[in-house]
């Protein structure tokens, strides 16, 4: 059984989120949550919150213990980018790009 959770329009770029996500893929859910809690990256907070939500969904909706869950799939895709500009010297402007991401997680029961 797959338990899914999704975070849409996360304020961290997909490239930075993938650095955090790669450390948790394939781990048991409890170990992944402990790893994310102490990781000094901004994306770790968002991924930890999403993983915590997915584990809560599994416990509440399906009656599965958190000790039996594994992070089967986790991915970060690019979301729409906010673009605007700041005006610079000599009448030029500097583009400012604010990247976002969609993070998806799938938990499975241990076999």
PDB file of N, CA and C in Angstrom:
ATOM      1  N   UNK A   1       0.842  -1.180   0.000  1.00  0.00           N
ATOM      2  CA  UNK A   1       0.000   0.000   0.000  1.00  0.00           C
ATOM      3  C   UNK A   1       0.888   1.244   0.000  1.00  0.00           C
ATOM      4  N   UNK A   2       0.567   2.173  -0.851  1.00  0.00           N
ATOM      5  CA  UNK A   2       1.330   3.406  -0.956  1.00  0.00           C
ATOM      6  C   UNK A   2       0.622   4.536  -0.220  1.00  0.00           C
ATOM      7  N   UNK A   3       1.351   5.240   0.605  1.00  0.00           N
ATOM      8  CA  UNK A   3       0.838   6.437   1.280  1.00  0.00           C
ATOM      9  C   UNK A   3       1.547   7.615   0.649  1.00  0.00           C
ATOM     10  N   UNK A   4       0.780   8.546   0.105  1.00  0.00           N
ATOM     11  CA  UNK A   4       1.337   9.679  -0.626  1.00  0.00           C
ATOM     12  C   UNK A   4       1.083  10.987   0.109  1.00  0.00           C
ATOM     13  N   UNK A   5       2.025  11.912  -0.049  1.00  0.00           N
ATOM     14  CA  UNK A   5       1.866  13.277   0.429  1.00  0.00           C
ATOM     15  C   UNK A   5       2.599  14.180  -0.551  1.00  0.00           C
ATOM     16  N   UNK A   6       2.112  15.406  -0.691  1.00  0.00           N
ATOM     17  CA  UNK A   6       2.671  16.315  -1.683  1.00  0.00           C
ATOM     18  C   UNK A   6       2.702  17.729  -1.123  1.00  0.00           C
ATOM     19  N   UNK A   7       3.809  18.402  -1.350  1.00  0.00           N
ATOM     20  CA  UNK A   7       3.968  19.802  -0.969  1.00  0.00           C
ATOM     21  C   UNK A   7       4.094  20.609  -2.247  1.00  0.00           C
ATOM     22  N   UNK A   8       3.170  21.517  -2.465  1.00  0.00           N
ATOM     23  CA  UNK A   8       3.128  22.288  -3.697  1.00  0.00           C
ATOM     24  C   UNK A   8       3.634  23.706  -3.427  1.00  0.00           C
ATOM     25  N   UNK A   9       4.427  24.225  -4.348  1.00  0.00           N
ATOM     26  CA  UNK A   9       4.985  25.577  -4.278  1.00  0.00           C
ATOM     27  C   UNK A   9       5.796  25.815  -3.014  1.00  0.00           C
ATOM     28  N   UNK A  10       6.718  24.923  -2.757  1.00  0.00           N
ATOM     29  CA  UNK A  10       7.655  25.093  -1.650  1.00  0.00           C
ATOM     30  C   UNK A  10       8.619  26.219  -2.011  1.00  0.00           C
ATOM     31  N   UNK A  11       9.000  27.028  -1.063  1.00  0.00           N
ATOM     32  CA  UNK A  11       9.820  28.199  -1.326  1.00  0.00           C
ATOM     33  C   UNK A  11      11.291  27.932  -1.533  1.00  0.00           C
ATOM     34  N   UNK A  12      11.677  26.668  -1.695  1.00  0.00           N
ATOM     35  CA  UNK A  12      13.071  26.293  -1.903  1.00  0.00           C
ATOM     36  C   UNK A  12      13.208  25.768  -3.323  1.00  0.00           C
ATOM     37  N   UNK A  13      14.324  26.047  -3.980  1.00  0.00           N
ATOM     38  CA  UNK A  13      14.502  25.574  -5.348  1.00  0.00           C
ATOM     39  C   UNK A  13      14.617  24.050  -5.367  1.00  0.00           C
ATOM     40  N   UNK A  14      14.262  23.459  -6.494  1.00  0.00           N
ATOM     41  CA  UNK A  14      14.279  22.008  -6.626  1.00  0.00           C
ATOM     42  C   UNK A  14      15.700  21.461  -6.500  1.00  0.00           C
ATOM     43  N   UNK A  15      16.663  22.196  -6.990  1.00  0.00           N
ATOM     44  CA  UNK A  15      18.055  21.755  -6.926  1.00  0.00           C
ATOM     45  C   UNK A  15      18.527  21.648  -5.476  1.00  0.00           C
ATOM     46  N   UNK A  16      18.168  22.608  -4.641  1.00  0.00           N
ATOM     47  CA  UNK A  16      18.564  22.582  -3.237  1.00  0.00           C
ATOM     48  C   UNK A  16      17.778  21.523  -2.469  1.00  0.00           C
ATOM     49  N   UNK A  17      16.519  21.315  -2.846  1.00  0.00           N
ATOM     50  CA  UNK A  17      15.707  20.291  -2.182  1.00  0.00           C
ATOM     51  C   UNK A  17      16.235  18.894  -2.499  1.00  0.00           C
ATOM     52  N   UNK A  18      16.748  18.685  -3.704  1.00  0.00           N
ATOM     53  CA  UNK A  18      17.262  17.361  -4.087  1.00  0.00           C
ATOM     54  C   UNK A  18      18.483  16.961  -3.266  1.00  0.00           C
ATOM     55  N   UNK A  19      19.275  17.927  -2.820  1.00  0.00           N
ATOM     56  CA  UNK A  19      20.426  17.622  -1.973  1.00  0.00           C
ATOM     57  C   UNK A  19      19.971  16.987  -0.659  1.00  0.00           C
ATOM     58  N   UNK A  20      18.868  17.471  -0.129  1.00  0.00           N
ATOM     59  CA  UNK A  20      18.327  16.936   1.123  1.00  0.00           C
ATOM     60  C   UNK A  20      17.607  15.622   0.874  1.00  0.00           C
ATOM     61  N   UNK A  21      16.852  15.561  -0.201  1.00  0.00           N
ATOM     62  CA  UNK A  21      16.023  14.399  -0.502  1.00  0.00           C
ATOM     63  C   UNK A  21      16.876  13.148  -0.737  1.00  0.00           C
ATOM     64  N   UNK A  22      18.031  13.315  -1.373  1.00  0.00           N
ATOM     65  CA  UNK A  22      18.871  12.168  -1.690  1.00  0.00           C
ATOM     66  C   UNK A  22      19.410  11.472  -0.445  1.00  0.00           C
ATOM     67  N   UNK A  23      19.506  12.186   0.673  1.00  0.00           N
ATOM     68  CA  UNK A  23      19.995  11.570   1.908  1.00  0.00           C
ATOM     69  C   UNK A  23      18.943  10.702   2.581  1.00  0.00           C
ATOM     70  N   UNK A  24      17.666  10.895   2.259  1.00  0.00           N
ATOM     71  CA  UNK A  24      16.584  10.200   2.957  1.00  0.00           C
ATOM     72  C   UNK A  24      15.972   9.066   2.143  1.00  0.00           C
ATOM     73  N   UNK A  25      16.183   9.050   0.857  1.00  0.00           N
ATOM     74  CA  UNK A  25      15.538   8.063  -0.019  1.00  0.00           C
ATOM     75  C   UNK A  25      15.938   6.645   0.382  1.00  0.00           C
ATOM     76  N   UNK A  26      14.921   5.769   0.579  1.00  0.00           N
ATOM     77  CA  UNK A  26      15.160   4.366   0.899  1.00  0.00           C
ATOM     78  C   UNK A  26      15.317   4.061   2.376  1.00  0.00           C
ATOM     79  N   UNK A  27      15.340   5.068   3.231  1.00  0.00           N
ATOM     80  CA  UNK A  27      15.513   4.853   4.665  1.00  0.00           C
ATOM     81  C   UNK A  27      14.176   4.566   5.335  1.00  0.00           C
ATOM     82  N   UNK A  28      14.199   3.953   6.513  1.00  0.00           N
ATOM     83  CA  UNK A  28      12.967   3.862   7.308  1.00  0.00           C
ATOM     84  C   UNK A  28      12.487   5.263   7.689  1.00  0.00           C
ATOM     85  N   UNK A  29      11.184   5.409   7.844  1.00  0.00           N
ATOM     86  CA  UNK A  29      10.596   6.735   8.058  1.00  0.00           C
ATOM     87  C   UNK A  29      11.087   7.385   9.344  1.00  0.00           C
ATOM     88  N   UNK A  30      11.224   6.619  10.411  1.00  0.00           N
ATOM     89  CA  UNK A  30      11.656   7.190  11.690  1.00  0.00           C
ATOM     90  C   UNK A  30      13.105   7.670  11.596  1.00  0.00           C
ATOM     91  N   UNK A  31      13.966   6.884  10.957  1.00  0.00           N
ATOM     92  CA  UNK A  31      15.367   7.287  10.798  1.00  0.00           C
ATOM     93  C   UNK A  31      15.471   8.519   9.892  1.00  0.00           C
ATOM     94  N   UNK A  32      14.634   8.581   8.871  1.00  0.00           N
ATOM     95  CA  UNK A  32      14.641   9.742   7.970  1.00  0.00           C
ATOM     96  C   UNK A  32      14.209  11.008   8.702  1.00  0.00           C
ATOM     97  N   UNK A  33      13.204  10.888   9.560  1.00  0.00           N
ATOM     98  CA  UNK A  33      12.751  12.056  10.315  1.00  0.00           C
ATOM     99  C   UNK A  33      13.839  12.556  11.258  1.00  0.00           C
ATOM    100  N   UNK A  34      14.561  11.624  11.906  1.00  0.00           N
ATOM    101  CA  UNK A  34      15.652  12.025  12.799  1.00  0.00           C
ATOM    102  C   UNK A  34      16.791  12.672  12.022  1.00  0.00           C
ATOM    103  N   UNK A  35      17.086  12.169  10.846  1.00  0.00           N
ATOM    104  CA  UNK A  35      18.138  12.751  10.012  1.00  0.00           C
ATOM    105  C   UNK A  35      17.773  14.173   9.608  1.00  0.00           C
ATOM    106  N   UNK A  36      16.528  14.358   9.173  1.00  0.00           N
ATOM    107  CA  UNK A  36      16.094  15.680   8.706  1.00  0.00           C
ATOM    108  C   UNK A  36      16.011  16.699   9.836  1.00  0.00           C
ATOM    109  N   UNK A  37      15.695  16.244  11.026  1.00  0.00           N
ATOM    110  CA  UNK A  37      15.512  17.176  12.140  1.00  0.00           C
ATOM    111  C   UNK A  37      16.799  17.934  12.448  1.00  0.00           C
ATOM    112  N   UNK A  38      17.948  17.266  12.265  1.00  0.00           N
ATOM    113  CA  UNK A  38      19.215  17.890  12.640  1.00  0.00           C
ATOM    114  C   UNK A  38      20.058  18.317  11.451  1.00  0.00           C
ATOM    115  N   UNK A  39      19.489  18.317  10.270  1.00  0.00           N
ATOM    116  CA  UNK A  39      20.229  18.714   9.079  1.00  0.00           C
ATOM    117  C   UNK A  39      20.211  20.246   8.944  1.00  0.00           C
ATOM    118  N   UNK A  40      21.359  20.890   8.728  1.00  0.00           N
ATOM    119  CA  UNK A  40      21.409  22.357   8.713  1.00  0.00           C
ATOM    120  C   UNK A  40      21.100  22.982   7.351  1.00  0.00           C
ATOM    121  N   UNK A  41      20.105  22.492   6.660  1.00  0.00           N
ATOM    122  CA  UNK A  41      19.710  23.052   5.368  1.00  0.00           C
ATOM    123  C   UNK A  41      18.288  23.573   5.487  1.00  0.00           C
ATOM    124  N   UNK A  42      17.977  24.615   4.717  1.00  0.00           N
ATOM    125  CA  UNK A  42      16.636  25.206   4.769  1.00  0.00           C
ATOM    126  C   UNK A  42      15.589  24.248   4.211  1.00  0.00           C
ATOM    127  N   UNK A  43      15.943  23.458   3.214  1.00  0.00           N
ATOM    128  CA  UNK A  43      14.992  22.531   2.611  1.00  0.00           C
ATOM    129  C   UNK A  43      14.645  21.387   3.557  1.00  0.00           C
ATOM    130  N   UNK A  44      15.520  21.084   4.511  1.00  0.00           N
ATOM    131  CA  UNK A  44      15.278  19.976   5.444  1.00  0.00           C
ATOM    132  C   UNK A  44      14.036  20.228   6.282  1.00  0.00           C
ATOM    133  N   UNK A  45      13.775  21.476   6.625  1.00  0.00           N
ATOM    134  CA  UNK A  45      12.576  21.807   7.404  1.00  0.00           C
ATOM    135  C   UNK A  45      11.317  21.441   6.632  1.00  0.00           C
ATOM    136  N   UNK A  46      11.261  21.798   5.355  1.00  0.00           N
ATOM    137  CA  UNK A  46      10.082  21.531   4.542  1.00  0.00           C
ATOM    138  C   UNK A  46       9.898  20.037   4.294  1.00  0.00           C
ATOM    139  N   UNK A  47      10.986  19.325   4.024  1.00  0.00           N
ATOM    140  CA  UNK A  47      10.898  17.888   3.765  1.00  0.00           C
ATOM    141  C   UNK A  47      10.505  17.145   5.046  1.00  0.00           C
ATOM    142  N   UNK A  48      11.037  17.586   6.185  1.00  0.00           N
ATOM    143  CA  UNK A  48      10.680  16.974   7.468  1.00  0.00           C
ATOM    144  C   UNK A  48       9.190  17.145   7.760  1.00  0.00           C
ATOM    145  N   UNK A  49       8.688  18.323   7.511  1.00  0.00           N
ATOM    146  CA  UNK A  49       7.273  18.600   7.745  1.00  0.00           C
ATOM    147  C   UNK A  49       6.389  17.741   6.839  1.00  0.00           C
ATOM    148  N   UNK A  50       6.783  17.567   5.589  1.00  0.00           N
ATOM    149  CA  UNK A  50       6.037  16.737   4.649  1.00  0.00           C
ATOM    150  C   UNK A  50       6.089  15.268   5.053  1.00  0.00           C
ATOM    151  N   UNK A  51       7.250  14.789   5.454  1.00  0.00           N
ATOM    152  CA  UNK A  51       7.390  13.400   5.889  1.00  0.00           C
ATOM    153  C   UNK A  51       6.572  13.129   7.142  1.00  0.00           C
ATOM    154  N   UNK A  52       6.570  14.079   8.045  1.00  0.00           N
ATOM    155  CA  UNK A  52       5.774  13.951   9.269  1.00  0.00           C
ATOM    156  C   UNK A  52       4.284  13.864   8.937  1.00  0.00           C
ATOM    157  N   UNK A  53       3.851  14.643   7.964  1.00  0.00           N
ATOM    158  CA  UNK A  53       2.457  14.609   7.526  1.00  0.00           C
ATOM    159  C   UNK A  53       2.107  13.268   6.893  1.00  0.00           C
ATOM    160  N   UNK A  54       3.008  12.719   6.073  1.00  0.00           N
ATOM    161  CA  UNK A  54       2.758  11.434   5.424  1.00  0.00           C
ATOM    162  C   UNK A  54       2.688  10.307   6.454  1.00  0.00           C
ATOM    163  N   UNK A  55       3.561  10.346   7.455  1.00  0.00           N
ATOM    164  CA  UNK A  55       3.538   9.328   8.507  1.00  0.00           C
ATOM    165  C   UNK A  55       2.246   9.427   9.311  1.00  0.00           C
ATOM    166  N   UNK A  56       1.803  10.638   9.603  1.00  0.00           N
ATOM    167  CA  UNK A  56       0.546  10.825  10.326  1.00  0.00           C
ATOM    168  C   UNK A  56      -0.636  10.318   9.520  1.00  0.00           C
ATOM    169  N   UNK A  57      -0.607  10.543   8.194  1.00  0.00           N
ATOM    170  CA  UNK A  57      -1.671  10.021   7.330  1.00  0.00           C
ATOM    171  C   UNK A  57      -1.716   8.500   7.384  1.00  0.00           C
ATOM    172  N   UNK A  58      -0.559   7.869   7.373  1.00  0.00           N
ATOM    173  CA  UNK A  58      -0.493   6.407   7.406  1.00  0.00           C
ATOM    174  C   UNK A  58      -1.048   5.861   8.715  1.00  0.00           C
ATOM    175  N   UNK A  59      -0.694   6.519   9.820  1.00  0.00           N
ATOM    176  CA  UNK A  59      -1.176   6.055  11.128  1.00  0.00           C
ATOM    177  C   UNK A  59      -2.674   6.281  11.291  1.00  0.00           C
ATOM    178  N   UNK A  60      -3.138   7.439  10.906  1.00  0.00           N
ATOM    179  CA  UNK A  60      -4.535   7.804  11.147  1.00  0.00           C
ATOM    180  C   UNK A  60      -5.490   7.148  10.153  1.00  0.00           C
ATOM    181  N   UNK A  61      -5.158   7.165   8.880  1.00  0.00           N
ATOM    182  CA  UNK A  61      -6.093   6.690   7.858  1.00  0.00           C
ATOM    183  C   UNK A  61      -5.996   5.192   7.590  1.00  0.00           C
ATOM    184  N   UNK A  62      -4.786   4.627   7.724  1.00  0.00           N
ATOM    185  CA  UNK A  62      -4.601   3.224   7.352  1.00  0.00           C
ATOM    186  C   UNK A  62      -4.226   2.328   8.525  1.00  0.00           C
ATOM    187  N   UNK A  63      -3.946   2.904   9.696  1.00  0.00           N
ATOM    188  CA  UNK A  63      -3.620   2.110  10.878  1.00  0.00           C
ATOM    189  C   UNK A  63      -2.272   1.414  10.805  1.00  0.00           C
ATOM    190  N   UNK A  64      -1.321   1.998  10.091  1.00  0.00           N
ATOM    191  CA  UNK A  64       0.012   1.420   9.942  1.00  0.00           C
ATOM    192  C   UNK A  64       0.944   2.098  10.946  1.00  0.00           C
ATOM    193  N   UNK A  65       1.750   1.298  11.630  1.00  0.00           N
ATOM    194  CA  UNK A  65       2.703   1.835  12.592  1.00  0.00           C
ATOM    195  C   UNK A  65       3.832   2.563  11.871  1.00  0.00           C
ATOM    196  N   UNK A  66       4.343   3.621  12.490  1.00  0.00           N
ATOM    197  CA  UNK A  66       5.412   4.397  11.856  1.00  0.00           C
ATOM    198  C   UNK A  66       6.720   3.614  11.774  1.00  0.00           C
ATOM    199  N   UNK A  67       6.877   2.582  12.600  1.00  0.00           N
ATOM    200  CA  UNK A  67       8.085   1.765  12.560  1.00  0.00           C
ATOM    201  C   UNK A  67       8.119   0.838  11.348  1.00  0.00           C
ATOM    202  N   UNK A  68       6.964   0.622  10.715  1.00  0.00           N
ATOM    203  CA  UNK A  68       6.882  -0.281   9.566  1.00  0.00           C
ATOM    204  C   UNK A  68       6.965   0.438   8.225  1.00  0.00           C
ATOM    205  N   UNK A  69       7.220   1.741   8.232  1.00  0.00           N
ATOM    206  CA  UNK A  69       7.190   2.522   6.997  1.00  0.00           C
ATOM    207  C   UNK A  69       8.600   2.794   6.461  1.00  0.00           C
ATOM    208  N   UNK A  70       8.701   2.800   5.132  1.00  0.00           N
ATOM    209  CA  UNK A  70       9.949   3.111   4.434  1.00  0.00           C
ATOM    210  C   UNK A  70       9.671   4.214   3.416  1.00  0.00           C
ATOM    211  N   UNK A  71      10.621   5.113   3.234  1.00  0.00           N
ATOM    212  CA  UNK A  71      10.508   6.149   2.210  1.00  0.00           C
ATOM    213  C   UNK A  71      10.834   5.488   0.872  1.00  0.00           C
ATOM    214  N   UNK A  72       9.797   5.092   0.144  1.00  0.00           N
ATOM    215  CA  UNK A  72       9.991   4.357  -1.110  1.00  0.00           C
ATOM    216  C   UNK A  72      10.391   5.298  -2.240  1.00  0.00           C
ATOM    217  N   UNK A  73       9.648   6.378  -2.408  1.00  0.00           N
ATOM    218  CA  UNK A  73       9.939   7.350  -3.463  1.00  0.00           C
ATOM    219  C   UNK A  73       9.844   8.748  -2.880  1.00  0.00           C
ATOM    220  N   UNK A  74      10.737   9.597  -3.322  1.00  0.00           N
ATOM    221  CA  UNK A  74      10.669  11.010  -2.941  1.00  0.00           C
ATOM    222  C   UNK A  74      11.330  11.799  -4.068  1.00  0.00           C
ATOM    223  N   UNK A  75      10.671  12.860  -4.506  1.00  0.00           N
ATOM    224  CA  UNK A  75      11.196  13.629  -5.637  1.00  0.00           C
ATOM    225  C   UNK A  75      10.849  15.103  -5.495  1.00  0.00           C
ATOM    226  N   UNK A  76      11.662  15.925  -6.120  1.00  0.00           N
ATOM    227  CA  UNK A  76      11.427  17.362  -6.148  1.00  0.00           C
ATOM    228  C   UNK A  76      11.433  17.821  -7.600  1.00  0.00           C
ATOM    229  N   UNK A  77      10.338  18.419  -8.016  1.00  0.00           N
ATOM    230  CA  UNK A  77      10.215  18.947  -9.369  1.00  0.00           C
ATOM    231  C   UNK A  77      10.126  20.466  -9.305  1.00  0.00           C
ATOM    232  N   UNK A  78      10.414  21.099 -10.422  1.00  0.00           N
ATOM    233  CA  UNK A  78      10.357  22.557 -10.456  1.00  0.00           C
ATOM    234  C   UNK A  78       8.914  23.043 -10.512  1.00  0.00           C
ATOM    235  N   UNK A  79       8.668  24.127  -9.815  1.00  0.00           N
ATOM    236  CA  UNK A  79       7.364  24.780  -9.799  1.00  0.00           C
ATOM    237  C   UNK A  79       7.486  26.081 -10.588  1.00  0.00           C
ATOM    238  N   UNK A  80       6.379  26.780 -10.797  1.00  0.00           N
ATOM    239  CA  UNK A  80       6.472  28.064 -11.499  1.00  0.00           C
ATOM    240  C   UNK A  80       7.423  29.033 -10.787  1.00  0.00           C
ATOM    241  N   UNK A  81       8.199  29.743 -11.573  1.00  0.00           N
ATOM    242  CA  UNK A  81       9.203  30.664 -11.060  1.00  0.00           C
ATOM    243  C   UNK A  81       8.642  32.075 -11.058  1.00  0.00           C
ATOM    244  N   UNK A  82       8.868  32.782  -9.949  1.00  0.00           N
ATOM    245  CA  UNK A  82       8.464  34.188  -9.892  1.00  0.00           C
ATOM    246  C   UNK A  82       9.607  35.039 -10.421  1.00  0.00           C
ATOM    247  N   UNK A  83       9.305  35.921 -11.362  1.00  0.00           N
ATOM    248  CA  UNK A  83      10.336  36.755 -11.970  1.00  0.00           C
ATOM    249  C   UNK A  83       9.957  38.230 -11.821  1.00  0.00           C
ATOM    250  N   UNK A  84      10.900  39.030 -11.434  1.00  0.00           N
ATOM    251  CA  UNK A  84      10.717  40.466 -11.443  1.00  0.00           C
ATOM    252  C   UNK A  84      12.077  41.104 -11.639  1.00  0.00           C
ATOM    253  N   UNK A  85      12.151  42.426 -11.569  1.00  0.00           N
ATOM    254  CA  UNK A  85      13.423  43.074 -11.858  1.00  0.00           C
ATOM    255  C   UNK A  85      13.686  44.194 -10.872  1.00  0.00           C
ATOM    256  N   UNK A  86      14.973  44.434 -10.698  1.00  0.00           N
ATOM    257  CA  UNK A  86      15.426  45.566  -9.894  1.00  0.00           C
ATOM    258  C   UNK A  86      16.199  46.490 -10.819  1.00  0.00           C
ATOM    259  N   UNK A  87      16.042  47.738 -10.605  1.00  0.00           N
ATOM    260  CA  UNK A  87      16.706  48.682 -11.467  1.00  0.00           C
ATOM    261  C   UNK A  87      18.126  48.935 -10.977  1.00  0.00           C
ATOM    262  N   UNK A  88      19.047  48.943 -11.919  1.00  0.00           N
ATOM    263  CA  UNK A  88      20.457  49.102 -11.600  1.00  0.00           C
ATOM    264  C   UNK A  88      20.996  50.409 -12.130  1.00  0.00           C
ATOM    265  N   UNK A  89      22.291  50.517 -12.150  1.00  0.00           N
ATOM    266  CA  UNK A  89      22.957  51.743 -12.583  1.00  0.00           C
ATOM    267  C   UNK A  89      22.803  51.945 -14.086  1.00  0.00           C
ATOM    268  N   UNK A  90      22.836  53.192 -14.512  1.00  0.00           N
ATOM    269  CA  UNK A  90      22.792  53.600 -15.914  1.00  0.00           C
ATOM    270  C   UNK A  90      21.532  53.142 -16.633  1.00  0.00           C
ATOM    271  N   UNK A  91      20.422  53.087 -15.949  1.00  0.00           N
ATOM    272  CA  UNK A  91      19.155  52.769 -16.590  1.00  0.00           C
ATOM    273  C   UNK A  91      18.955  51.305 -16.923  1.00  0.00           C
ATOM    274  N   UNK A  92      19.830  50.444 -16.459  1.00  0.00           N
ATOM    275  CA  UNK A  92      19.679  49.013 -16.710  1.00  0.00           C
ATOM    276  C   UNK A  92      18.805  48.393 -15.626  1.00  0.00           C
ATOM    277  N   UNK A  93      18.429  47.153 -15.861  1.00  0.00           N
ATOM    278  CA  UNK A  93      17.736  46.450 -14.783  1.00  0.00           C
ATOM    279  C   UNK A  93      18.330  45.067 -14.603  1.00  0.00           C
ATOM    280  N   UNK A  94      18.245  44.583 -13.388  1.00  0.00           N
ATOM    281  CA  UNK A  94      18.797  43.282 -13.017  1.00  0.00           C
ATOM    282  C   UNK A  94      17.640  42.318 -12.776  1.00  0.00           C
ATOM    283  N   UNK A  95      17.573  41.207 -13.498  1.00  0.00           N
ATOM    284  CA  UNK A  95      16.482  40.259 -13.271  1.00  0.00           C
ATOM    285  C   UNK A  95      16.664  39.523 -11.948  1.00  0.00           C
ATOM    286  N   UNK A  96      15.562  39.322 -11.249  1.00  0.00           N
ATOM    287  CA  UNK A  96      15.540  38.555 -10.004  1.00  0.00           C
ATOM    288  C   UNK A  96      14.629  37.367 -10.241  1.00  0.00           C
ATOM    289  N   UNK A  97      15.131  36.169  -9.967  1.00  0.00           N
ATOM    290  CA  UNK A  97      14.378  34.945 -10.204  1.00  0.00           C
ATOM    291  C   UNK A  97      14.219  34.224  -8.874  1.00  0.00           C
ATOM    292  N   UNK A  98      12.982  33.940  -8.481  1.00  0.00           N
ATOM    293  CA  UNK A  98      12.698  33.233  -7.233  1.00  0.00           C
ATOM    294  C   UNK A  98      12.146  31.860  -7.595  1.00  0.00           C
ATOM    295  N   UNK A  99      12.943  30.817  -7.387  1.00  0.00           N
ATOM    296  CA  UNK A  99      12.549  29.471  -7.798  1.00  0.00           C
ATOM    297  C   UNK A  99      11.787  28.760  -6.690  1.00  0.00           C
ATOM    298  N   UNK A 100      10.811  27.948  -7.090  1.00  0.00           N
ATOM    299  CA  UNK A 100      10.001  27.153  -6.178  1.00  0.00           C
ATOM    300  C   UNK A 100      10.062  25.695  -6.610  1.00  0.00           C
ATOM    301  N   UNK A 101       9.500  24.803  -5.795  1.00  0.00           N
ATOM    302  CA  UNK A 101       9.514  23.391  -6.144  1.00  0.00           C
ATOM    303  C   UNK A 101       8.261  22.694  -5.621  1.00  0.00           C
ATOM    304  N   UNK A 102       7.947  21.560  -6.248  1.00  0.00           N
ATOM    305  CA  UNK A 102       6.911  20.644  -5.789  1.00  0.00           C
ATOM    306  C   UNK A 102       7.623  19.412  -5.252  1.00  0.00           C
ATOM    307  N   UNK A 103       7.336  19.024  -4.006  1.00  0.00           N
ATOM    308  CA  UNK A 103       7.976  17.862  -3.410  1.00  0.00           C
ATOM    309  C   UNK A 103       6.915  16.789  -3.185  1.00  0.00           C
ATOM    310  N   UNK A 104       7.192  15.581  -3.657  1.00  0.00           N
ATOM    311  CA  UNK A 104       6.266  14.452  -3.517  1.00  0.00           C
ATOM    312  C   UNK A 104       6.956  13.322  -2.782  1.00  0.00           C
ATOM    313  N   UNK A 105       6.195  12.631  -1.923  1.00  0.00           N
ATOM    314  CA  UNK A 105       6.760  11.531  -1.148  1.00  0.00           C
ATOM    315  C   UNK A 105       5.791  10.353  -1.166  1.00  0.00           C
ATOM    316  N   UNK A 106       6.341   9.147  -1.249  1.00  0.00           N
ATOM    317  CA  UNK A 106       5.556   7.920  -1.214  1.00  0.00           C
ATOM    318  C   UNK A 106       6.168   7.018  -0.148  1.00  0.00           C
ATOM    319  N   UNK A 107       5.350   6.621   0.818  1.00  0.00           N
ATOM    320  CA  UNK A 107       5.776   5.691   1.872  1.00  0.00           C
ATOM    321  C   UNK A 107       5.175   4.320   1.593  1.00  0.00           C
ATOM    322  N   UNK A 108       5.927   3.268   1.920  1.00  0.00           N
ATOM    323  CA  UNK A 108       5.428   1.896   1.786  1.00  0.00           C
ATOM    324  C   UNK A 108       5.692   1.138   3.077  1.00  0.00           C
ATOM    325  N   UNK A 109       4.913   0.088   3.277  1.00  0.00           N
ATOM    326  CA  UNK A 109       5.107  -0.792   4.413  1.00  0.00           C
ATOM    327  C   UNK A 109       6.287  -1.723   4.141  1.00  0.00           C
ATOM    328  N   UNK A 110       7.036  -2.056   5.186  1.00  0.00           N
ATOM    329  CA  UNK A 110       8.134  -3.006   5.022  1.00  0.00           C
ATOM    330  C   UNK A 110       7.567  -4.361   4.617  1.00  0.00           C
ATOM    331  N   UNK A 111       8.262  -5.051   3.726  1.00  0.00           N
ATOM    332  CA  UNK A 111       7.785  -6.361   3.278  1.00  0.00           C
ATOM    333  C   UNK A 111       8.231  -7.458   4.201  1.00  0.00           C
TER     334      UNK A 111
END
